[in-house]
């Protein structure tokens, strides 16, 4: 059953602490600039991004990878930060100034993902304190630094946000038996797949949650996962084609 029968004051306090600490720890990323390791290929020298060619973004790989959703977001951000006058005056400084918005978006998305991890832990039955510690461990872990501080790794924070969101929706489906949550899970899964190929593992995570909830492994349980395995197979095949 759900670990979220109601939202207590303690839950709000712990969740707020997790969000604030994660934000403070990673706030320094907003002062960073670009790297010459993939940031050029994914963003500031990517003609699809600079020209806002969304058709190409969703049909062509970048650096042999298929990550159309984060690349599409890069195109949207580039449109917001374009400044022809500043670029003509000092191209180098103008490029550096553009990086701030991209880093800010990496930061808030990571904070959102951390908050979702907190919610997921609550749904799995942990009390607010332990759920908060688990979420904070995820939020400020050194392994998250690369994903948040490196603009190109938007695909990692984006895929993770949709992935954890999909697991939350799936748990709500298990708890309520409402197919609305199953549909939300599928939508979030699709968005996660379009962010990074590692999302193909979601059906296996769903099976792990079935086991955790002591669900019977029968035909209905198997059929629930078929659309997810099909989605994983399609994106996996596309990923192999673009290698």
C-alpha atoms as a PDB file:
ATOM      1  CA  UNK A   1       0.000   0.000   0.000  1.00  0.00           C
ATOM      2  CA  UNK A   2       0.999   3.631  -0.412  1.00  0.00           C
ATOM      3  CA  UNK A   3       3.335   5.301   2.031  1.00  0.00           C
ATOM      4  CA  UNK A   4       1.496   8.600   1.414  1.00  0.00           C
ATOM      5  CA  UNK A   5      -1.840   8.399   3.281  1.00  0.00           C
ATOM      6  CA  UNK A   6      -1.515  12.111   4.037  1.00  0.00           C
ATOM      7  CA  UNK A   7       1.060  14.857   3.890  1.00  0.00           C
ATOM      8  CA  UNK A   8       2.146  15.695   7.419  1.00  0.00           C
ATOM      9  CA  UNK A   9       3.891  18.832   8.611  1.00  0.00           C
ATOM     10  CA  UNK A  10       7.047  16.787   9.174  1.00  0.00           C
ATOM     11  CA  UNK A  11       6.963  15.592   5.572  1.00  0.00           C
ATOM     12  CA  UNK A  12       6.757  19.165   4.270  1.00  0.00           C
ATOM     13  CA  UNK A  13       9.612  20.277   6.524  1.00  0.00           C
ATOM     14  CA  UNK A  14      11.920  17.417   5.544  1.00  0.00           C
ATOM     15  CA  UNK A  15      11.089  17.834   1.864  1.00  0.00           C
ATOM     16  CA  UNK A  16      11.825  21.552   2.041  1.00  0.00           C
ATOM     17  CA  UNK A  17      15.161  20.887   3.748  1.00  0.00           C
ATOM     18  CA  UNK A  18      16.117  18.380   1.035  1.00  0.00           C
ATOM     19  CA  UNK A  19      15.263  20.864  -1.701  1.00  0.00           C
ATOM     20  CA  UNK A  20      17.068  23.781  -0.036  1.00  0.00           C
ATOM     21  CA  UNK A  21      20.243  21.840   0.770  1.00  0.00           C
ATOM     22  CA  UNK A  22      20.452  20.400  -2.749  1.00  0.00           C
ATOM     23  CA  UNK A  23      19.922  23.844  -4.258  1.00  0.00           C
ATOM     24  CA  UNK A  24      22.583  25.449  -2.057  1.00  0.00           C
ATOM     25  CA  UNK A  25      25.132  22.701  -2.673  1.00  0.00           C
ATOM     26  CA  UNK A  26      24.792  23.004  -6.443  1.00  0.00           C
ATOM     27  CA  UNK A  27      24.135  26.749  -6.670  1.00  0.00           C
ATOM     28  CA  UNK A  28      27.701  27.349  -7.832  1.00  0.00           C
ATOM     29  CA  UNK A  29      26.982  25.756 -11.210  1.00  0.00           C
ATOM     30  CA  UNK A  30      25.169  28.915 -12.324  1.00  0.00           C
ATOM     31  CA  UNK A  31      28.563  30.671 -12.488  1.00  0.00           C
ATOM     32  CA  UNK A  32      30.136  28.087 -14.788  1.00  0.00           C
ATOM     33  CA  UNK A  33      30.721  28.413 -18.512  1.00  0.00           C
ATOM     34  CA  UNK A  34      30.857  25.960 -21.402  1.00  0.00           C
ATOM     35  CA  UNK A  35      33.257  23.084 -21.845  1.00  0.00           C
ATOM     36  CA  UNK A  36      34.825  22.111 -25.158  1.00  0.00           C
ATOM     37  CA  UNK A  37      33.855  18.507 -24.442  1.00  0.00           C
ATOM     38  CA  UNK A  38      30.537  17.931 -26.260  1.00  0.00           C
ATOM     39  CA  UNK A  39      28.990  21.305 -25.343  1.00  0.00           C
ATOM     40  CA  UNK A  40      30.088  22.537 -28.755  1.00  0.00           C
ATOM     41  CA  UNK A  41      28.601  19.555 -30.604  1.00  0.00           C
ATOM     42  CA  UNK A  42      25.377  19.579 -28.611  1.00  0.00           C
ATOM     43  CA  UNK A  43      24.764  23.303 -28.320  1.00  0.00           C
ATOM     44  CA  UNK A  44      26.826  26.261 -29.466  1.00  0.00           C
ATOM     45  CA  UNK A  45      28.152  24.744 -32.707  1.00  0.00           C
ATOM     46  CA  UNK A  46      25.092  22.595 -33.399  1.00  0.00           C
ATOM     47  CA  UNK A  47      23.293  24.020 -36.431  1.00  0.00           C
ATOM     48  CA  UNK A  48      20.052  22.252 -35.464  1.00  0.00           C
ATOM     49  CA  UNK A  49      20.062  24.096 -32.132  1.00  0.00           C
ATOM     50  CA  UNK A  50      21.208  27.444 -33.451  1.00  0.00           C
ATOM     51  CA  UNK A  51      18.648  27.412 -36.278  1.00  0.00           C
ATOM     52  CA  UNK A  52      15.825  25.875 -34.226  1.00  0.00           C
ATOM     53  CA  UNK A  53      15.431  22.974 -36.657  1.00  0.00           C
ATOM     54  CA  UNK A  54      13.159  20.770 -34.539  1.00  0.00           C
ATOM     55  CA  UNK A  55      12.418  18.352 -37.356  1.00  0.00           C
ATOM     56  CA  UNK A  56      16.109  17.545 -37.658  1.00  0.00           C
ATOM     57  CA  UNK A  57      16.471  17.385 -33.878  1.00  0.00           C
ATOM     58  CA  UNK A  58      13.896  14.579 -33.681  1.00  0.00           C
ATOM     59  CA  UNK A  59      15.155  12.679 -36.721  1.00  0.00           C
ATOM     60  CA  UNK A  60      18.945  12.993 -36.597  1.00  0.00           C
ATOM     61  CA  UNK A  61      21.518  11.955 -33.971  1.00  0.00           C
ATOM     62  CA  UNK A  62      23.970  14.242 -32.210  1.00  0.00           C
ATOM     63  CA  UNK A  63      27.423  12.791 -31.660  1.00  0.00           C
ATOM     64  CA  UNK A  64      26.018   9.312 -32.484  1.00  0.00           C
ATOM     65  CA  UNK A  65      23.375   9.627 -29.757  1.00  0.00           C
ATOM     66  CA  UNK A  66      19.612  10.034 -29.978  1.00  0.00           C
ATOM     67  CA  UNK A  67      18.594  12.545 -27.281  1.00  0.00           C
ATOM     68  CA  UNK A  68      16.024  14.725 -29.061  1.00  0.00           C
ATOM     69  CA  UNK A  69      14.226  16.125 -26.015  1.00  0.00           C
ATOM     70  CA  UNK A  70      17.204  17.791 -24.295  1.00  0.00           C
ATOM     71  CA  UNK A  71      18.507  18.978 -27.669  1.00  0.00           C
ATOM     72  CA  UNK A  72      15.100  20.515 -28.396  1.00  0.00           C
ATOM     73  CA  UNK A  73      15.281  22.295 -25.041  1.00  0.00           C
ATOM     74  CA  UNK A  74      18.755  23.564 -25.956  1.00  0.00           C
ATOM     75  CA  UNK A  75      17.264  25.040 -29.145  1.00  0.00           C
ATOM     76  CA  UNK A  76      14.554  26.789 -27.148  1.00  0.00           C
ATOM     77  CA  UNK A  77      17.116  28.166 -24.693  1.00  0.00           C
ATOM     78  CA  UNK A  78      19.393  29.323 -27.518  1.00  0.00           C
ATOM     79  CA  UNK A  79      16.514  31.285 -28.992  1.00  0.00           C
ATOM     80  CA  UNK A  80      16.056  33.030 -25.628  1.00  0.00           C
ATOM     81  CA  UNK A  81      19.718  33.992 -25.190  1.00  0.00           C
ATOM     82  CA  UNK A  82      20.480  35.088 -28.749  1.00  0.00           C
ATOM     83  CA  UNK A  83      21.871  38.623 -28.803  1.00  0.00           C
ATOM     84  CA  UNK A  84      23.202  39.618 -32.263  1.00  0.00           C
ATOM     85  CA  UNK A  85      24.500  42.967 -31.023  1.00  0.00           C
ATOM     86  CA  UNK A  86      26.536  41.443 -28.178  1.00  0.00           C
ATOM     87  CA  UNK A  87      27.768  38.659 -30.455  1.00  0.00           C
ATOM     88  CA  UNK A  88      29.015  41.178 -32.999  1.00  0.00           C
ATOM     89  CA  UNK A  89      30.765  43.251 -30.319  1.00  0.00           C
ATOM     90  CA  UNK A  90      32.497  40.455 -28.385  1.00  0.00           C
ATOM     91  CA  UNK A  91      31.674  36.905 -29.587  1.00  0.00           C
ATOM     92  CA  UNK A  92      33.652  35.180 -26.817  1.00  0.00           C
ATOM     93  CA  UNK A  93      31.994  37.058 -23.949  1.00  0.00           C
ATOM     94  CA  UNK A  94      28.583  36.762 -25.577  1.00  0.00           C
ATOM     95  CA  UNK A  95      28.992  32.979 -25.741  1.00  0.00           C
ATOM     96  CA  UNK A  96      30.076  32.787 -22.097  1.00  0.00           C
ATOM     97  CA  UNK A  97      27.078  34.872 -21.010  1.00  0.00           C
ATOM     98  CA  UNK A  98      24.712  32.462 -22.750  1.00  0.00           C
ATOM     99  CA  UNK A  99      25.796  29.554 -20.539  1.00  0.00           C
ATOM    100  CA  UNK A 100      24.072  30.868 -17.394  1.00  0.00           C
ATOM    101  CA  UNK A 101      20.518  30.041 -18.498  1.00  0.00           C
ATOM    102  CA  UNK A 102      21.544  26.507 -19.496  1.00  0.00           C
ATOM    103  CA  UNK A 103      23.153  25.914 -16.092  1.00  0.00           C
ATOM    104  CA  UNK A 104      20.146  27.340 -14.237  1.00  0.00           C
ATOM    105  CA  UNK A 105      17.875  24.906 -16.074  1.00  0.00           C
ATOM    106  CA  UNK A 106      20.184  21.993 -15.244  1.00  0.00           C
ATOM    107  CA  UNK A 107      20.031  23.027 -11.589  1.00  0.00           C
ATOM    108  CA  UNK A 108      16.258  23.336 -11.146  1.00  0.00           C
ATOM    109  CA  UNK A 109      15.690  20.100 -13.032  1.00  0.00           C
ATOM    110  CA  UNK A 110      18.089  18.256 -10.728  1.00  0.00           C
ATOM    111  CA  UNK A 111      16.385  19.758  -7.672  1.00  0.00           C
ATOM    112  CA  UNK A 112      13.016  18.627  -9.050  1.00  0.00           C
ATOM    113  CA  UNK A 113      14.379  15.126  -9.618  1.00  0.00           C
ATOM    114  CA  UNK A 114      15.650  15.054  -6.028  1.00  0.00           C
ATOM    115  CA  UNK A 115      12.219  16.086  -4.759  1.00  0.00           C
ATOM    116  CA  UNK A 116      10.676  13.291  -6.814  1.00  0.00           C
ATOM    117  CA  UNK A 117      13.116  10.801  -5.268  1.00  0.00           C
ATOM    118  CA  UNK A 118      11.856  11.964  -1.861  1.00  0.00           C
ATOM    119  CA  UNK A 119       8.255  11.330  -2.943  1.00  0.00           C
ATOM    120  CA  UNK A 120       9.209   7.922  -4.366  1.00  0.00           C
ATOM    121  CA  UNK A 121      10.834   6.911  -1.077  1.00  0.00           C
ATOM    122  CA  UNK A 122       7.709   7.977   0.819  1.00  0.00           C
ATOM    123  CA  UNK A 123       5.566   5.899  -1.531  1.00  0.00           C
ATOM    124  CA  UNK A 124       7.790   2.906  -0.882  1.00  0.00           C
ATOM    125  CA  UNK A 125       6.931   3.146   2.810  1.00  0.00           C
ATOM    126  CA  UNK A 126       9.864   5.034   4.327  1.00  0.00           C
ATOM    127  CA  UNK A 127       9.100   7.566   7.029  1.00  0.00           C
ATOM    128  CA  UNK A 128       9.880  11.238   6.202  1.00  0.00           C
ATOM    129  CA  UNK A 129      13.287  11.234   7.910  1.00  0.00           C
ATOM    130  CA  UNK A 130      14.620   8.162   6.101  1.00  0.00           C
ATOM    131  CA  UNK A 131      12.999   9.232   2.830  1.00  0.00           C
ATOM    132  CA  UNK A 132      14.673  12.623   3.210  1.00  0.00           C
ATOM    133  CA  UNK A 133      18.077  11.074   3.899  1.00  0.00           C
ATOM    134  CA  UNK A 134      17.747   8.835   0.851  1.00  0.00           C
ATOM    135  CA  UNK A 135      16.719  11.768  -1.351  1.00  0.00           C
ATOM    136  CA  UNK A 136      19.500  13.961   0.014  1.00  0.00           C
ATOM    137  CA  UNK A 137      22.045  11.218  -0.605  1.00  0.00           C
ATOM    138  CA  UNK A 138      20.909  11.215  -4.215  1.00  0.00           C
ATOM    139  CA  UNK A 139      20.704  15.005  -4.448  1.00  0.00           C
ATOM    140  CA  UNK A 140      24.175  15.930  -3.208  1.00  0.00           C
ATOM    141  CA  UNK A 141      26.096  12.782  -4.097  1.00  0.00           C
ATOM    142  CA  UNK A 142      29.401  13.537  -5.894  1.00  0.00           C
ATOM    143  CA  UNK A 143      28.287  11.353  -8.804  1.00  0.00           C
ATOM    144  CA  UNK A 144      25.596  13.964  -9.552  1.00  0.00           C
ATOM    145  CA  UNK A 145      28.144  16.747 -10.061  1.00  0.00           C
ATOM    146  CA  UNK A 146      28.964  15.867 -13.670  1.00  0.00           C
ATOM    147  CA  UNK A 147      25.289  15.639 -14.628  1.00  0.00           C
ATOM    148  CA  UNK A 148      24.380  19.009 -13.108  1.00  0.00           C
ATOM    149  CA  UNK A 149      27.524  21.025 -13.829  1.00  0.00           C
ATOM    150  CA  UNK A 150      27.984  19.895 -17.431  1.00  0.00           C
ATOM    151  CA  UNK A 151      25.468  21.439 -19.801  1.00  0.00           C
ATOM    152  CA  UNK A 152      25.599  18.533 -22.248  1.00  0.00           C
ATOM    153  CA  UNK A 153      24.480  16.181 -19.478  1.00  0.00           C
ATOM    154  CA  UNK A 154      21.079  17.841 -19.435  1.00  0.00           C
ATOM    155  CA  UNK A 155      20.061  14.533 -20.960  1.00  0.00           C
ATOM    156  CA  UNK A 156      20.948  12.809 -17.689  1.00  0.00           C
ATOM    157  CA  UNK A 157      18.997  15.088 -15.340  1.00  0.00           C
ATOM    158  CA  UNK A 158      16.081  15.208 -17.773  1.00  0.00           C
ATOM    159  CA  UNK A 159      15.871  11.444 -18.240  1.00  0.00           C
ATOM    160  CA  UNK A 160      16.185  10.935 -14.483  1.00  0.00           C
ATOM    161  CA  UNK A 161      13.380  13.378 -13.719  1.00  0.00           C
ATOM    162  CA  UNK A 162      10.946  11.687 -16.090  1.00  0.00           C
ATOM    163  CA  UNK A 163      12.152   8.218 -15.026  1.00  0.00           C
ATOM    164  CA  UNK A 164      11.517   8.789 -11.313  1.00  0.00           C
ATOM    165  CA  UNK A 165       8.222  10.486 -12.165  1.00  0.00           C
ATOM    166  CA  UNK A 166       7.194   7.403 -14.129  1.00  0.00           C
ATOM    167  CA  UNK A 167       7.982   5.154 -11.150  1.00  0.00           C
ATOM    168  CA  UNK A 168       5.878   7.371  -8.885  1.00  0.00           C
ATOM    169  CA  UNK A 169       2.968   7.155 -11.326  1.00  0.00           C
ATOM    170  CA  UNK A 170       3.380   3.382 -11.524  1.00  0.00           C
ATOM    171  CA  UNK A 171       3.253   3.073  -7.747  1.00  0.00           C
ATOM    172  CA  UNK A 172       0.095   5.186  -7.732  1.00  0.00           C
ATOM    173  CA  UNK A 173      -1.348   2.779 -10.294  1.00  0.00           C
ATOM    174  CA  UNK A 174      -0.508  -0.172  -8.056  1.00  0.00           C
ATOM    175  CA  UNK A 175      -2.061   1.541  -5.049  1.00  0.00           C
ATOM    176  CA  UNK A 176      -5.243   2.881  -6.670  1.00  0.00           C
ATOM    177  CA  UNK A 177      -5.741   0.559  -9.681  1.00  0.00           C
ATOM    178  CA  UNK A 178      -6.632   3.695 -11.669  1.00  0.00           C
ATOM    179  CA  UNK A 179      -5.536   3.447 -15.289  1.00  0.00           C
ATOM    180  CA  UNK A 180      -5.004   7.209 -15.382  1.00  0.00           C
ATOM    181  CA  UNK A 181      -1.771   6.698 -13.478  1.00  0.00           C
ATOM    182  CA  UNK A 182      -0.756   3.895 -15.838  1.00  0.00           C
ATOM    183  CA  UNK A 183      -1.216   6.327 -18.730  1.00  0.00           C
ATOM    184  CA  UNK A 184       0.806   9.022 -16.944  1.00  0.00           C
ATOM    185  CA  UNK A 185       3.532   6.444 -16.357  1.00  0.00           C
ATOM    186  CA  UNK A 186       3.640   5.637 -20.077  1.00  0.00           C
ATOM    187  CA  UNK A 187       3.839   9.316 -21.055  1.00  0.00           C
ATOM    188  CA  UNK A 188       6.666  10.011 -18.618  1.00  0.00           C
ATOM    189  CA  UNK A 189       8.441   6.869 -19.802  1.00  0.00           C
ATOM    190  CA  UNK A 190       8.241   8.071 -23.413  1.00  0.00           C
ATOM    191  CA  UNK A 191       9.685  11.450 -22.410  1.00  0.00           C
ATOM    192  CA  UNK A 192      12.461   9.708 -20.497  1.00  0.00           C
ATOM    193  CA  UNK A 193      13.278   7.538 -23.531  1.00  0.00           C
ATOM    194  CA  UNK A 194      13.521  10.656 -25.696  1.00  0.00           C
ATOM    195  CA  UNK A 195      15.937  12.152 -23.167  1.00  0.00           C
ATOM    196  CA  UNK A 196      18.456   9.329 -22.796  1.00  0.00           C
ATOM    197  CA  UNK A 197      18.622   5.712 -23.935  1.00  0.00           C
ATOM    198  CA  UNK A 198      19.280   4.488 -20.373  1.00  0.00           C
ATOM    199  CA  UNK A 199      15.541   4.860 -19.770  1.00  0.00           C
ATOM    200  CA  UNK A 200      15.094   1.469 -21.475  1.00  0.00           C
ATOM    201  CA  UNK A 201      15.623  -0.070 -18.031  1.00  0.00           C
ATOM    202  CA  UNK A 202      12.308   1.245 -16.660  1.00  0.00           C
ATOM    203  CA  UNK A 203      10.290  -1.966 -17.308  1.00  0.00           C
ATOM    204  CA  UNK A 204      12.790  -3.873 -15.169  1.00  0.00           C
ATOM    205  CA  UNK A 205      12.414  -1.285 -12.401  1.00  0.00           C
ATOM    206  CA  UNK A 206       8.651  -1.757 -12.631  1.00  0.00           C
ATOM    207  CA  UNK A 207       9.080  -5.504 -12.181  1.00  0.00           C
ATOM    208  CA  UNK A 208      11.281  -4.818  -9.148  1.00  0.00           C
ATOM    209  CA  UNK A 209       8.486  -2.677  -7.674  1.00  0.00           C
ATOM    210  CA  UNK A 210       6.027  -5.515  -8.344  1.00  0.00           C
ATOM    211  CA  UNK A 211       8.258  -7.828  -6.335  1.00  0.00           C
ATOM    212  CA  UNK A 212       8.624  -5.226  -3.577  1.00  0.00           C
ATOM    213  CA  UNK A 213       4.840  -4.997  -3.370  1.00  0.00           C
ATOM    214  CA  UNK A 214       4.473  -8.808  -3.418  1.00  0.00           C
ATOM    215  CA  UNK A 215       2.395  -8.762  -6.600  1.00  0.00           C
ATOM    216  CA  UNK A 216       1.610 -12.063  -8.259  1.00  0.00           C
ATOM    217  CA  UNK A 217       3.586 -12.653 -11.436  1.00  0.00           C
ATOM    218  CA  UNK A 218       0.671 -13.561 -13.691  1.00  0.00           C
ATOM    219  CA  UNK A 219      -0.565 -12.752 -17.200  1.00  0.00           C
ATOM    220  CA  UNK A 220      -2.156  -9.350 -16.364  1.00  0.00           C
ATOM    221  CA  UNK A 221       1.076  -8.297 -14.641  1.00  0.00           C
ATOM    222  CA  UNK A 222       3.091  -9.345 -17.685  1.00  0.00           C
ATOM    223  CA  UNK A 223       0.755  -7.664 -20.180  1.00  0.00           C
ATOM    224  CA  UNK A 224       1.036  -4.360 -18.285  1.00  0.00           C
ATOM    225  CA  UNK A 225       4.726  -4.262 -19.145  1.00  0.00           C
ATOM    226  CA  UNK A 226       4.438  -5.138 -22.852  1.00  0.00           C
ATOM    227  CA  UNK A 227       4.050  -1.521 -24.105  1.00  0.00           C
ATOM    228  CA  UNK A 228       7.037  -0.511 -21.996  1.00  0.00           C
ATOM    229  CA  UNK A 229       9.256  -3.289 -23.328  1.00  0.00           C
ATOM    230  CA  UNK A 230       8.186  -2.347 -26.864  1.00  0.00           C
ATOM    231  CA  UNK A 231       9.165   1.270 -26.230  1.00  0.00           C
ATOM    232  CA  UNK A 232      12.511   0.170 -24.841  1.00  0.00           C
ATOM    233  CA  UNK A 233      13.117  -2.084 -27.855  1.00  0.00           C
ATOM    234  CA  UNK A 234      12.327   0.728 -30.308  1.00  0.00           C
ATOM    235  CA  UNK A 235      14.642   3.255 -28.675  1.00  0.00           C
ATOM    236  CA  UNK A 236      17.299   0.583 -28.207  1.00  0.00           C
ATOM    237  CA  UNK A 237      17.134  -0.215 -31.919  1.00  0.00           C
ATOM    238  CA  UNK A 238      17.357   3.469 -32.843  1.00  0.00           C
ATOM    239  CA  UNK A 239      20.344   3.840 -30.544  1.00  0.00           C
ATOM    240  CA  UNK A 240      22.139   0.963 -32.254  1.00  0.00           C
ATOM    241  CA  UNK A 241      21.381   2.436 -35.716  1.00  0.00           C
ATOM    242  CA  UNK A 242      23.023   5.727 -34.748  1.00  0.00           C
ATOM    243  CA  UNK A 243      26.214   4.191 -33.388  1.00  0.00           C
END
